[in-house]
C-alpha atoms as a PDB file:
ATOM      1  CA  UNK A   1     111.002  -8.038 -98.986  1.00  0.00           C
ATOM      2  CA  UNK A   2     108.117  -5.497 -98.830  1.00  0.00           C
ATOM      3  CA  UNK A   3     104.912  -6.788 -97.274  1.00  0.00           C
ATOM      4  CA  UNK A   4     102.953  -6.556-100.538  1.00  0.00           C
ATOM      5  CA  UNK A   5     105.738  -7.844-102.794  1.00  0.00           C
ATOM      6  CA  UNK A   6     104.937 -11.010-104.778  1.00  0.00           C
ATOM      7  CA  UNK A   7     106.434 -14.184-103.378  1.00  0.00           C
ATOM      8  CA  UNK A   8     106.472 -15.511-106.965  1.00  0.00           C
ATOM      9  CA  UNK A   9     106.680 -13.375-110.106  1.00  0.00           C
ATOM     10  CA  UNK A  10     106.416 -15.005-113.544  1.00  0.00           C
ATOM     11  CA  UNK A  11     107.089 -12.984-116.708  1.00  0.00           C
ATOM     12  CA  UNK A  12     106.679 -14.059-120.341  1.00  0.00           C
ATOM     13  CA  UNK A  13     107.136 -17.780-119.665  1.00  0.00           C
ATOM     14  CA  UNK A  14     107.398 -19.708-122.930  1.00  0.00           C
ATOM     15  CA  UNK A  15     107.743 -23.508-123.030  1.00  0.00           C
ATOM     16  CA  UNK A  16     107.900 -25.754-126.083  1.00  0.00           C
ATOM     17  CA  UNK A  17     108.213 -29.498-126.634  1.00  0.00           C
ATOM     18  CA  UNK A  18     110.385 -30.973-129.380  1.00  0.00           C
ATOM     19  CA  UNK A  19     108.596 -33.902-131.017  1.00  0.00           C
ATOM     20  CA  UNK A  20     109.148 -36.040-134.089  1.00  0.00           C
ATOM     21  CA  UNK A  21     106.571 -34.014-135.977  1.00  0.00           C
ATOM     22  CA  UNK A  22     107.912 -30.608-134.917  1.00  0.00           C
ATOM     23  CA  UNK A  23     107.611 -28.168-132.051  1.00  0.00           C
ATOM     24  CA  UNK A  24     104.599 -27.960-129.738  1.00  0.00           C
ATOM     25  CA  UNK A  25     104.151 -24.503-128.234  1.00  0.00           C
ATOM     26  CA  UNK A  26     102.625 -25.538-124.914  1.00  0.00           C
ATOM     27  CA  UNK A  27     103.059 -22.288-122.957  1.00  0.00           C
ATOM     28  CA  UNK A  28     103.067 -18.944-124.764  1.00  0.00           C
ATOM     29  CA  UNK A  29     104.149 -15.832-122.905  1.00  0.00           C
ATOM     30  CA  UNK A  30     102.469 -16.466-119.546  1.00  0.00           C
ATOM     31  CA  UNK A  31     102.842 -13.706-116.914  1.00  0.00           C
ATOM     32  CA  UNK A  32     101.371 -13.596-113.404  1.00  0.00           C
ATOM     33  CA  UNK A  33     102.338 -13.032-109.789  1.00  0.00           C
ATOM     34  CA  UNK A  34     101.430 -14.642-106.493  1.00  0.00           C
ATOM     35  CA  UNK A  35     101.312 -12.848-103.158  1.00  0.00           C
ATOM     36  CA  UNK A  36     101.807 -14.210 -99.681  1.00  0.00           C
ATOM     37  CA  UNK A  37      98.760 -15.829 -98.155  1.00  0.00           C
ATOM     38  CA  UNK A  38      96.557 -15.732-101.262  1.00  0.00           C
ATOM     39  CA  UNK A  39      95.073 -18.538-103.307  1.00  0.00           C
ATOM     40  CA  UNK A  40      95.308 -18.194-107.075  1.00  0.00           C
ATOM     41  CA  UNK A  41      93.009 -20.442-109.092  1.00  0.00           C
ATOM     42  CA  UNK A  42      94.084 -21.607-112.558  1.00  0.00           C
ATOM     43  CA  UNK A  43      91.300 -22.945-114.780  1.00  0.00           C
ATOM     44  CA  UNK A  44      90.923 -24.190-118.331  1.00  0.00           C
ATOM     45  CA  UNK A  45      90.117 -27.356-120.242  1.00  0.00           C
ATOM     46  CA  UNK A  46      92.596 -30.202-120.712  1.00  0.00           C
ATOM     47  CA  UNK A  47      95.536 -29.168-122.869  1.00  0.00           C
ATOM     48  CA  UNK A  48      95.264 -25.470-122.056  1.00  0.00           C
ATOM     49  CA  UNK A  49      98.742 -25.378-120.496  1.00  0.00           C
ATOM     50  CA  UNK A  50      97.874 -25.217-116.782  1.00  0.00           C
ATOM     51  CA  UNK A  51     100.044 -28.063-115.528  1.00  0.00           C
ATOM     52  CA  UNK A  52     102.906 -27.481-117.972  1.00  0.00           C
ATOM     53  CA  UNK A  53     103.096 -23.853-116.851  1.00  0.00           C
ATOM     54  CA  UNK A  54     103.440 -24.788-113.193  1.00  0.00           C
ATOM     55  CA  UNK A  55     105.873 -27.648-113.806  1.00  0.00           C
ATOM     56  CA  UNK A  56     107.985 -25.285-115.916  1.00  0.00           C
ATOM     57  CA  UNK A  57     108.397 -22.974-112.923  1.00  0.00           C
ATOM     58  CA  UNK A  58     110.344 -25.438-110.816  1.00  0.00           C
ATOM     59  CA  UNK A  59     112.059 -27.642-113.375  1.00  0.00           C
ATOM     60  CA  UNK A  60     109.765 -30.661-113.293  1.00  0.00           C
ATOM     61  CA  UNK A  61     109.673 -31.119-117.075  1.00  0.00           C
ATOM     62  CA  UNK A  62     112.155 -33.499-118.746  1.00  0.00           C
ATOM     63  CA  UNK A  63     114.594 -31.586-120.965  1.00  0.00           C
ATOM     64  CA  UNK A  64     114.504 -32.770-123.699  1.00  0.00           C
ATOM     65  CA  UNK A  65     111.830 -32.954-125.006  1.00  0.00           C
ATOM     66  CA  UNK A  66     110.796 -29.813-123.103  1.00  0.00           C
ATOM     67  CA  UNK A  67     112.589 -26.492-123.537  1.00  0.00           C
ATOM     68  CA  UNK A  68     111.886 -23.290-121.657  1.00  0.00           C
ATOM     69  CA  UNK A  69     112.623 -20.868-124.432  1.00  0.00           C
ATOM     70  CA  UNK A  70     111.970 -17.568-122.732  1.00  0.00           C
ATOM     71  CA  UNK A  71     110.891 -15.878-119.514  1.00  0.00           C
ATOM     72  CA  UNK A  72     111.780 -15.300-115.875  1.00  0.00           C
ATOM     73  CA  UNK A  73     110.437 -16.860-112.664  1.00  0.00           C
ATOM     74  CA  UNK A  74     111.514 -14.741-109.697  1.00  0.00           C
ATOM     75  CA  UNK A  75     111.315 -16.350-106.264  1.00  0.00           C
ATOM     76  CA  UNK A  76     112.973 -14.742-103.242  1.00  0.00           C
ATOM     77  CA  UNK A  77     114.980 -12.516-105.558  1.00  0.00           C
ATOM     78  CA  UNK A  78     116.306 -15.379-107.687  1.00  0.00           C
ATOM     79  CA  UNK A  79     115.331 -16.475-111.181  1.00  0.00           C
ATOM     80  CA  UNK A  80     114.432 -20.156-110.949  1.00  0.00           C
ATOM     81  CA  UNK A  81     114.900 -20.604-114.692  1.00  0.00           C
ATOM     82  CA  UNK A  82     118.577 -19.674-114.377  1.00  0.00           C
ATOM     83  CA  UNK A  83     119.288 -22.051-111.491  1.00  0.00           C
ATOM     84  CA  UNK A  84     121.094 -25.361-111.923  1.00  0.00           C
ATOM     85  CA  UNK A  85     119.540 -28.706-110.993  1.00  0.00           C
ATOM     86  CA  UNK A  86     121.088 -28.727-107.528  1.00  0.00           C
ATOM     87  CA  UNK A  87     119.688 -25.278-106.762  1.00  0.00           C
ATOM     88  CA  UNK A  88     116.219 -26.264-107.961  1.00  0.00           C
ATOM     89  CA  UNK A  89     116.265 -29.415-105.832  1.00  0.00           C
ATOM     90  CA  UNK A  90     116.944 -27.237-102.788  1.00  0.00           C
ATOM     91  CA  UNK A  91     113.896 -25.096-103.658  1.00  0.00           C
ATOM     92  CA  UNK A  92     111.548 -27.985-104.512  1.00  0.00           C
ATOM     93  CA  UNK A  93     110.032 -29.619-101.486  1.00  0.00           C
ATOM     94  CA  UNK A  94     111.560 -26.954 -99.238  1.00  0.00           C
ATOM     95  CA  UNK A  95     110.353 -23.479-100.253  1.00  0.00           C
ATOM     96  CA  UNK A  96     107.883 -24.634-102.942  1.00  0.00           C
ATOM     97  CA  UNK A  97     105.684 -27.707-102.451  1.00  0.00           C
ATOM     98  CA  UNK A  98     103.867 -29.560-105.244  1.00  0.00           C
ATOM     99  CA  UNK A  99     100.806 -31.797-104.916  1.00  0.00           C
ATOM    100  CA  UNK A 100     100.156 -33.962-107.965  1.00  0.00           C
ATOM    101  CA  UNK A 101      96.807 -35.093-109.327  1.00  0.00           C
ATOM    102  CA  UNK A 102      97.151 -38.839-108.763  1.00  0.00           C
ATOM    103  CA  UNK A 103      98.720 -39.807-105.422  1.00  0.00           C
ATOM    104  CA  UNK A 104      98.884 -43.490-106.359  1.00  0.00           C
ATOM    105  CA  UNK A 105     101.393 -42.764-109.120  1.00  0.00           C
ATOM    106  CA  UNK A 106     103.212 -40.065-107.111  1.00  0.00           C
ATOM    107  CA  UNK A 107     103.762 -42.046-103.907  1.00  0.00           C
ATOM    108  CA  UNK A 108     106.392 -44.787-104.021  1.00  0.00           C
ATOM    109  CA  UNK A 109     104.565 -48.113-103.480  1.00  0.00           C
ATOM    110  CA  UNK A 110     107.583 -49.876-101.918  1.00  0.00           C
ATOM    111  CA  UNK A 111     108.245 -47.415 -99.071  1.00  0.00           C
ATOM    112  CA  UNK A 112     106.060 -46.707 -96.022  1.00  0.00           C
ATOM    113  CA  UNK A 113     104.453 -43.274 -96.038  1.00  0.00           C
ATOM    114  CA  UNK A 114     106.421 -42.320 -92.929  1.00  0.00           C
ATOM    115  CA  UNK A 115     109.666 -42.793 -94.841  1.00  0.00           C
ATOM    116  CA  UNK A 116     108.384 -40.689 -97.728  1.00  0.00           C
ATOM    117  CA  UNK A 117     107.350 -37.824 -95.428  1.00  0.00           C
ATOM    118  CA  UNK A 118     110.605 -37.972 -93.454  1.00  0.00           C
ATOM    119  CA  UNK A 119     112.854 -37.916 -96.541  1.00  0.00           C
ATOM    120  CA  UNK A 120     112.473 -34.184 -97.346  1.00  0.00           C
ATOM    121  CA  UNK A 121     112.717 -33.370 -93.619  1.00  0.00           C
ATOM    122  CA  UNK A 122     116.093 -35.078 -93.350  1.00  0.00           C
ATOM    123  CA  UNK A 123     117.332 -33.719 -96.660  1.00  0.00           C
ATOM    124  CA  UNK A 124     116.219 -30.082 -96.425  1.00  0.00           C
ATOM    125  CA  UNK A 125     115.875 -29.470 -92.682  1.00  0.00           C
ATOM    126  CA  UNK A 126     118.723 -31.753 -91.521  1.00  0.00           C
ATOM    127  CA  UNK A 127     116.571 -33.476 -88.923  1.00  0.00           C
ATOM    128  CA  UNK A 128     117.787 -36.720 -87.383  1.00  0.00           C
ATOM    129  CA  UNK A 129     115.763 -39.899 -87.671  1.00  0.00           C
ATOM    130  CA  UNK A 130     113.795 -39.355 -84.430  1.00  0.00           C
ATOM    131  CA  UNK A 131     113.080 -35.695 -85.142  1.00  0.00           C
ATOM    132  CA  UNK A 132     111.919 -36.513 -88.671  1.00  0.00           C
ATOM    133  CA  UNK A 133     109.606 -39.226 -87.356  1.00  0.00           C
ATOM    134  CA  UNK A 134     108.064 -36.896 -84.775  1.00  0.00           C
ATOM    135  CA  UNK A 135     107.536 -34.223 -87.418  1.00  0.00           C
ATOM    136  CA  UNK A 136     105.982 -36.793 -89.779  1.00  0.00           C
ATOM    137  CA  UNK A 137     103.451 -37.681 -87.075  1.00  0.00           C
ATOM    138  CA  UNK A 138     102.628 -33.979 -86.627  1.00  0.00           C
ATOM    139  CA  UNK A 139     102.097 -33.582 -90.367  1.00  0.00           C
ATOM    140  CA  UNK A 140      99.788 -36.582 -90.646  1.00  0.00           C
ATOM    141  CA  UNK A 141      97.769 -35.236 -87.728  1.00  0.00           C
ATOM    142  CA  UNK A 142      97.708 -31.796 -89.376  1.00  0.00           C
ATOM    143  CA  UNK A 143      96.139 -33.218 -92.540  1.00  0.00           C
ATOM    144  CA  UNK A 144      93.572 -35.185 -90.587  1.00  0.00           C
ATOM    145  CA  UNK A 145      94.826 -38.771 -90.650  1.00  0.00           C
ATOM    146  CA  UNK A 146      93.772 -40.563 -87.440  1.00  0.00           C
ATOM    147  CA  UNK A 147      96.158 -42.705 -85.388  1.00  0.00           C
ATOM    148  CA  UNK A 148      99.045 -41.019 -87.211  1.00  0.00           C
ATOM    149  CA  UNK A 149     101.918 -42.606 -85.283  1.00  0.00           C
ATOM    150  CA  UNK A 150     100.747 -46.123 -86.106  1.00  0.00           C
ATOM    151  CA  UNK A 151     100.078 -45.339 -89.753  1.00  0.00           C
ATOM    152  CA  UNK A 152     103.631 -44.143 -90.426  1.00  0.00           C
ATOM    153  CA  UNK A 153     104.553 -47.746 -91.186  1.00  0.00           C
ATOM    154  CA  UNK A 154     101.686 -48.315 -93.632  1.00  0.00           C
ATOM    155  CA  UNK A 155     102.212 -48.417 -97.398  1.00  0.00           C
ATOM    156  CA  UNK A 156     100.295 -46.288 -99.932  1.00  0.00           C
ATOM    157  CA  UNK A 157      98.005 -49.161-100.974  1.00  0.00           C
ATOM    158  CA  UNK A 158      96.764 -49.394 -97.384  1.00  0.00           C
ATOM    159  CA  UNK A 159      95.240 -45.902 -97.575  1.00  0.00           C
ATOM    160  CA  UNK A 160      92.040 -44.816 -99.319  1.00  0.00           C
ATOM    161  CA  UNK A 161      92.214 -42.377-102.225  1.00  0.00           C
ATOM    162  CA  UNK A 162      91.373 -39.408-100.028  1.00  0.00           C
ATOM    163  CA  UNK A 163      93.892 -40.444 -97.379  1.00  0.00           C
ATOM    164  CA  UNK A 164      96.614 -40.879-100.013  1.00  0.00           C
ATOM    165  CA  UNK A 165      95.944 -37.340-101.183  1.00  0.00           C
ATOM    166  CA  UNK A 166      96.253 -36.146 -97.588  1.00  0.00           C
ATOM    167  CA  UNK A 167      99.626 -37.909 -97.391  1.00  0.00           C
ATOM    168  CA  UNK A 168     100.716 -36.096-100.560  1.00  0.00           C
ATOM    169  CA  UNK A 169      99.700 -32.790 -98.991  1.00  0.00           C
ATOM    170  CA  UNK A 170     101.628 -33.693 -95.832  1.00  0.00           C
ATOM    171  CA  UNK A 171     104.763 -34.347 -97.918  1.00  0.00           C
ATOM    172  CA  UNK A 172     104.323 -31.037 -99.748  1.00  0.00           C
ATOM    173  CA  UNK A 173     103.952 -29.209 -96.410  1.00  0.00           C
ATOM    174  CA  UNK A 174     106.829 -30.995 -94.687  1.00  0.00           C
ATOM    175  CA  UNK A 175     109.321 -28.114 -94.832  1.00  0.00           C
ATOM    176  CA  UNK A 176     106.817 -25.271 -94.335  1.00  0.00           C
ATOM    177  CA  UNK A 177     106.963 -23.998 -97.948  1.00  0.00           C
ATOM    178  CA  UNK A 178     106.168 -20.427 -98.909  1.00  0.00           C
ATOM    179  CA  UNK A 179     104.255 -21.623-101.988  1.00  0.00           C
ATOM    180  CA  UNK A 180     102.088 -24.708-102.491  1.00  0.00           C
ATOM    181  CA  UNK A 181     101.147 -25.720-106.044  1.00  0.00           C
ATOM    182  CA  UNK A 182      98.238 -28.168-106.192  1.00  0.00           C
ATOM    183  CA  UNK A 183      97.666 -29.745-109.609  1.00  0.00           C
ATOM    184  CA  UNK A 184      94.030 -30.910-109.714  1.00  0.00           C
ATOM    185  CA  UNK A 185      94.447 -32.788-106.410  1.00  0.00           C
ATOM    186  CA  UNK A 186      90.748 -33.599-106.013  1.00  0.00           C
ATOM    187  CA  UNK A 187      89.881 -34.637-109.581  1.00  0.00           C
ATOM    188  CA  UNK A 188      90.042 -38.405-108.956  1.00  0.00           C
ATOM    189  CA  UNK A 189      88.152 -38.239-105.647  1.00  0.00           C
ATOM    190  CA  UNK A 190      84.436 -38.571-104.966  1.00  0.00           C
ATOM    191  CA  UNK A 191      82.568 -35.398-104.035  1.00  0.00           C
ATOM    192  CA  UNK A 192      82.493 -36.109-100.288  1.00  0.00           C
ATOM    193  CA  UNK A 193      86.269 -36.623-100.071  1.00  0.00           C
ATOM    194  CA  UNK A 194      86.789 -33.662-102.405  1.00  0.00           C
ATOM    195  CA  UNK A 195      84.876 -31.428 -99.998  1.00  0.00           C
ATOM    196  CA  UNK A 196      87.015 -32.673 -97.111  1.00  0.00           C
ATOM    197  CA  UNK A 197      90.260 -31.934 -98.981  1.00  0.00           C
ATOM    198  CA  UNK A 198      89.064 -28.433 -99.909  1.00  0.00           C
ATOM    199  CA  UNK A 199      88.141 -27.729 -96.290  1.00  0.00           C
ATOM    200  CA  UNK A 200      91.546 -29.027 -95.237  1.00  0.00           C
ATOM    201  CA  UNK A 201      93.310 -26.658 -97.649  1.00  0.00           C
ATOM    202  CA  UNK A 202      91.309 -23.699 -96.327  1.00  0.00           C
ATOM    203  CA  UNK A 203      92.291 -24.585 -92.763  1.00  0.00           C
ATOM    204  CA  UNK A 204      95.965 -25.078 -93.640  1.00  0.00           C
ATOM    205  CA  UNK A 205      96.081 -21.780 -95.467  1.00  0.00           C
ATOM    206  CA  UNK A 206      94.715 -19.965 -92.421  1.00  0.00           C
ATOM    207  CA  UNK A 207      97.098 -21.746 -90.039  1.00  0.00           C
ATOM    208  CA  UNK A 208     100.269 -21.558 -92.124  1.00  0.00           C
ATOM    209  CA  UNK A 209      99.712 -18.412 -94.230  1.00  0.00           C
ATOM    210  CA  UNK A 210     101.235 -19.887 -97.380  1.00  0.00           C
ATOM    211  CA  UNK A 211     100.476 -18.826-100.937  1.00  0.00           C
ATOM    212  CA  UNK A 212      98.652 -21.466-102.983  1.00  0.00           C
ATOM    213  CA  UNK A 213      98.218 -22.084-106.713  1.00  0.00           C
ATOM    214  CA  UNK A 214      95.227 -24.367-107.293  1.00  0.00           C
ATOM    215  CA  UNK A 215      94.965 -25.898-110.773  1.00  0.00           C
ATOM    216  CA  UNK A 216      91.568 -27.261-111.758  1.00  0.00           C
ATOM    217  CA  UNK A 217      88.957 -27.485-114.492  1.00  0.00           C
ATOM    218  CA  UNK A 218      86.189 -27.165-111.901  1.00  0.00           C
ATOM    219  CA  UNK A 219      84.866 -23.613-111.668  1.00  0.00           C
ATOM    220  CA  UNK A 220      82.767 -24.540-108.645  1.00  0.00           C
ATOM    221  CA  UNK A 221      85.921 -25.345-106.678  1.00  0.00           C
ATOM    222  CA  UNK A 222      87.499 -22.037-107.661  1.00  0.00           C
ATOM    223  CA  UNK A 223      84.403 -20.096-106.616  1.00  0.00           C
ATOM    224  CA  UNK A 224      84.664 -21.573-103.132  1.00  0.00           C
ATOM    225  CA  UNK A 225      88.360 -21.195-102.335  1.00  0.00           C
ATOM    226  CA  UNK A 226      90.177 -18.706-104.615  1.00  0.00           C
ATOM    227  CA  UNK A 227      91.006 -15.017-104.206  1.00  0.00           C
ATOM    228  CA  UNK A 228      91.987 -14.519-107.844  1.00  0.00           C
ATOM    229  CA  UNK A 229      91.547 -16.674-110.902  1.00  0.00           C
ATOM    230  CA  UNK A 230      93.309 -16.854-114.241  1.00  0.00           C
ATOM    231  CA  UNK A 231      91.778 -18.637-117.194  1.00  0.00           C
ATOM    232  CA  UNK A 232      94.121 -20.403-119.631  1.00  0.00           C
ATOM    233  CA  UNK A 233      93.473 -21.398-123.218  1.00  0.00           C
ATOM    234  CA  UNK A 234      95.908 -22.417-125.950  1.00  0.00           C
ATOM    235  CA  UNK A 235      98.895 -22.131-123.641  1.00  0.00           C
ATOM    236  CA  UNK A 236      98.239 -18.561-122.565  1.00  0.00           C
ATOM    237  CA  UNK A 237      96.247 -16.540-120.055  1.00  0.00           C
ATOM    238  CA  UNK A 238      93.082 -15.224-121.670  1.00  0.00           C
ATOM    239  CA  UNK A 239      91.505 -13.647-118.580  1.00  0.00           C
ATOM    240  CA  UNK A 240      92.534 -12.747-115.047  1.00  0.00           C
ATOM    241  CA  UNK A 241      90.512 -11.153-112.233  1.00  0.00           C
ATOM    242  CA  UNK A 242      89.433 -11.398-108.622  1.00  0.00           C
ATOM    243  CA  UNK A 243      87.184 -14.420-108.308  1.00  0.00           C
ATOM    244  CA  UNK A 244      83.978 -12.458-107.595  1.00  0.00           C
ATOM    245  CA  UNK A 245      84.682 -10.106-110.492  1.00  0.00           C
ATOM    246  CA  UNK A 246      85.352 -13.012-112.845  1.00  0.00           C
ATOM    247  CA  UNK A 247      82.058 -14.723-112.096  1.00  0.00           C
ATOM    248  CA  UNK A 248      80.083 -11.467-112.177  1.00  0.00           C
ATOM    249  CA  UNK A 249      81.674  -9.863-115.278  1.00  0.00           C
ATOM    250  CA  UNK A 250      83.506 -12.385-117.499  1.00  0.00           C
ATOM    251  CA  UNK A 251      85.114 -10.468-120.361  1.00  0.00           C
ATOM    252  CA  UNK A 252      86.542 -13.186-122.581  1.00  0.00           C
ATOM    253  CA  UNK A 253      84.325 -15.376-124.805  1.00  0.00           C
ATOM    254  CA  UNK A 254      86.058 -18.519-123.545  1.00  0.00           C
ATOM    255  CA  UNK A 255      85.434 -17.635-119.898  1.00  0.00           C
ATOM    256  CA  UNK A 256      81.799 -16.865-120.673  1.00  0.00           C
ATOM    257  CA  UNK A 257      81.476 -20.194-122.471  1.00  0.00           C
ATOM    258  CA  UNK A 258      83.081 -22.056-119.554  1.00  0.00           C
ATOM    259  CA  UNK A 259      80.651 -20.503-117.086  1.00  0.00           C
ATOM    260  CA  UNK A 260      77.699 -21.565-119.227  1.00  0.00           C
ATOM    261  CA  UNK A 261      78.844 -25.199-119.058  1.00  0.00           C
ATOM    262  CA  UNK A 262      78.394 -25.267-115.272  1.00  0.00           C
ATOM    263  CA  UNK A 263      75.043 -26.928-114.402  1.00  0.00           C
ATOM    264  CA  UNK A 264      72.603 -24.650-112.587  1.00  0.00           C
ATOM    265  CA  UNK A 265      71.045 -25.657-109.265  1.00  0.00           C
ATOM    266  CA  UNK A 266      68.635 -22.725-109.044  1.00  0.00           C
ATOM    267  CA  UNK A 267      65.625 -24.709-110.163  1.00  0.00           C
ATOM    268  CA  UNK A 268      65.737 -23.482-113.729  1.00  0.00           C
ATOM    269  CA  UNK A 269      65.588 -26.473-116.009  1.00  0.00           C
ATOM    270  CA  UNK A 270      67.739 -26.401-119.127  1.00  0.00           C
ATOM    271  CA  UNK A 271      66.933 -28.809-121.971  1.00  0.00           C
ATOM    272  CA  UNK A 272      70.583 -29.886-122.147  1.00  0.00           C
ATOM    273  CA  UNK A 273      74.007 -28.903-120.892  1.00  0.00           C
ATOM    274  CA  UNK A 274      75.752 -26.146-122.834  1.00  0.00           C
ATOM    275  CA  UNK A 275      78.877 -27.268-124.683  1.00  0.00           C
ATOM    276  CA  UNK A 276      81.690 -25.297-126.325  1.00  0.00           C
ATOM    277  CA  UNK A 277      81.540 -26.256-129.972  1.00  0.00           C
ATOM    278  CA  UNK A 278      84.764 -27.016-131.854  1.00  0.00           C
ATOM    279  CA  UNK A 279      88.195 -28.246-130.795  1.00  0.00           C
ATOM    280  CA  UNK A 280      91.123 -26.680-128.903  1.00  0.00           C
ATOM    281  CA  UNK A 281      93.896 -25.223-131.085  1.00  0.00           C
ATOM    282  CA  UNK A 282      96.752 -27.325-132.438  1.00  0.00           C
ATOM    283  CA  UNK A 283      99.843 -25.763-130.890  1.00  0.00           C
ATOM    284  CA  UNK A 284     102.412 -26.655-133.544  1.00  0.00           C
ATOM    285  CA  UNK A 285     103.258 -22.985-134.129  1.00  0.00           C
ATOM    286  CA  UNK A 286     103.551 -19.908-131.968  1.00  0.00           C
ATOM    287  CA  UNK A 287     100.159 -18.152-131.901  1.00  0.00           C
ATOM    288  CA  UNK A 288      99.917 -15.369-134.489  1.00  0.00           C
ATOM    289  CA  UNK A 289      96.126 -15.026-134.166  1.00  0.00           C
ATOM    290  CA  UNK A 290      93.551 -15.425-131.419  1.00  0.00           C
ATOM    291  CA  UNK A 291      93.677 -19.092-130.331  1.00  0.00           C
ATOM    292  CA  UNK A 292      89.931 -19.127-129.565  1.00  0.00           C
ATOM    293  CA  UNK A 293      88.789 -17.604-132.866  1.00  0.00           C
ATOM    294  CA  UNK A 294      87.555 -20.843-134.476  1.00  0.00           C
ATOM    295  CA  UNK A 295      85.132 -21.430-131.580  1.00  0.00           C
ATOM    296  CA  UNK A 296      84.134 -17.815-130.942  1.00  0.00           C
ATOM    297  CA  UNK A 297      80.803 -16.153-131.782  1.00  0.00           C
ATOM    298  CA  UNK A 298      82.421 -12.683-131.572  1.00  0.00           C
ATOM    299  CA  UNK A 299      85.143 -13.296-134.167  1.00  0.00           C
ATOM    300  CA  UNK A 300      85.982 -10.534-136.645  1.00  0.00           C
ATOM    301  CA  UNK A 301      88.873  -9.630-138.971  1.00  0.00           C
ATOM    302  CA  UNK A 302      91.403  -8.561-136.333  1.00  0.00           C
ATOM    303  CA  UNK A 303      91.134 -11.946-134.586  1.00  0.00           C
ATOM    304  CA  UNK A 304      92.575 -13.683-137.658  1.00  0.00           C
ATOM    305  CA  UNK A 305      95.498 -11.294-138.055  1.00  0.00           C
ATOM    306  CA  UNK A 306      97.110 -11.134-134.606  1.00  0.00           C
ATOM    307  CA  UNK A 307      97.000 -12.542-131.130  1.00  0.00           C
ATOM    308  CA  UNK A 308      95.242 -10.092-128.792  1.00  0.00           C
ATOM    309  CA  UNK A 309      97.193  -8.743-125.805  1.00  0.00           C
ATOM    310  CA  UNK A 310      95.663  -8.615-122.341  1.00  0.00           C
ATOM    311  CA  UNK A 311      93.517  -5.458-122.176  1.00  0.00           C
ATOM    312  CA  UNK A 312      92.590  -3.847-118.845  1.00  0.00           C
ATOM    313  CA  UNK A 313      88.828  -4.234-118.548  1.00  0.00           C
ATOM    314  CA  UNK A 314      88.383  -3.239-114.901  1.00  0.00           C
ATOM    315  CA  UNK A 315      90.291  -2.859-111.619  1.00  0.00           C
ATOM    316  CA  UNK A 316      92.622  -5.840-111.393  1.00  0.00           C
ATOM    317  CA  UNK A 317      90.805  -7.404-114.350  1.00  0.00           C
ATOM    318  CA  UNK A 318      92.273  -8.065-117.807  1.00  0.00           C
ATOM    319  CA  UNK A 319      91.209 -10.107-120.825  1.00  0.00           C
ATOM    320  CA  UNK A 320      92.991 -11.047-124.054  1.00  0.00           C
ATOM    321  CA  UNK A 321      90.160 -10.225-126.436  1.00  0.00           C
ATOM    322  CA  UNK A 322      89.584  -7.640-129.166  1.00  0.00           C
ATOM    323  CA  UNK A 323      85.842  -7.563-128.434  1.00  0.00           C
ATOM    324  CA  UNK A 324      84.634  -4.937-125.949  1.00  0.00           C
ATOM    325  CA  UNK A 325      81.708  -6.520-124.085  1.00  0.00           C
ATOM    326  CA  UNK A 326      80.827  -3.262-122.347  1.00  0.00           C
ATOM    327  CA  UNK A 327      80.363  -1.541-125.715  1.00  0.00           C
ATOM    328  CA  UNK A 328      79.191  -4.738-127.443  1.00  0.00           C
ATOM    329  CA  UNK A 329      81.543  -3.885-130.314  1.00  0.00           C
ATOM    330  CA  UNK A 330      85.191  -4.295-131.334  1.00  0.00           C
ATOM    331  CA  UNK A 331      87.577  -2.193-129.286  1.00  0.00           C
ATOM    332  CA  UNK A 332      87.871   1.269-130.799  1.00  0.00           C
ATOM    333  CA  UNK A 333      91.475   1.334-131.936  1.00  0.00           C
ATOM    334  CA  UNK A 334      91.219  -2.276-133.110  1.00  0.00           C
ATOM    335  CA  UNK A 335      88.138  -1.516-135.267  1.00  0.00           C
ATOM    336  CA  UNK A 336      89.917   1.496-136.709  1.00  0.00           C
ATOM    337  CA  UNK A 337      92.709  -0.700-138.061  1.00  0.00           C
ATOM    338  CA  UNK A 338      90.591  -3.720-138.985  1.00  0.00           C
END
C-alpha cells in the first residue's frame, strides 16, 4: 500500500432503519477517508448520524432493523460491507478497535477486567493464557492504570469512571489496531478526567502511530487533538476541512452556528449563550432539499428544491451549501438556475 494511501476509504455510505412508522434515513451518502497516523474529528449534535455512521462501517448495527442500503468501506483492499459476519469479527478488535461512550454498559460486570482484555488477545493473536495475561498487564500500564498486575482481577465496578474508560481503551488497543474509533469516550467524565484521557490518546497516537476517528459534540476537544474535522448534520457531511481551517473559515451555516455556541473565555461578556433555533430534521425520507434550511438565515429558493453537494471552498476544504460566504451571495451557477 502506498505511503499516502488511506487506511480506510468510505464512499457513499447510506444506512436506514426500518421502523413501524416507516424508514428512517440515518446516514445519507457519507464519503470520507482516513490516513495512517492522523486523527479525524467528527462533530455534530445528537441525532446527526455520527455514531451510526461509524457503527455501520464495521457491522455493529443490528440487521434488522438497520440496513446498509448503499456504499463501500474499503479497508486493506477489502470492502467491509461485503464481508460476512465471521470476516467482520476477525477485523473488529484486531485491525479496527472501537471505544464506546459508556464503559459501564460496555464492560461485562461479571468478568474481571483482565479476562476481558485477554479475550481478544487469545482469539485474534492466539496467545496462551500466560502470554495474554502478561500483555494485559502491559496494556493497563500503557493506559496509565497503577499496580496493573494486581488490578487484573478487579471487576468493572471497582474502577472509577475514568479508569473504566482507560480499560476500554486498553481492550481496543489489545491487538495493535490500524484504526481506533472512539465514540464520545469522554462525554460522561468530569473535566479533569477528560483532560487526562485526551492526553493519553495523544501519547498513544505518537507511540503507536494508529489512525483515530474521534466522535464528539465538543468543538473544544476537536480543536485540541484533531488534524481534520468533518461536521455532520441530518445524516450527512455538511463540511470538511483541516481543523485550523475549519475554525478560521467555517463555510457552512451549521458549522458557523455551532462555533457561536461555544462559550468565550476571552473576557468578552455575552448577555446569554447563543443557541441554534429550530429542531433537527425528521429523517423519514431521503433528503431532497437542504436538511438545514429550516434553521438557516441564508436560505433561498435553491435550498428548498435540492440537497446541495459538497462544493470545494478551499484547499482540502468543502461545504455542502449553496451560499458562497466569500461572495456573500448564492453561488453563481446556482443563482442562475434559481
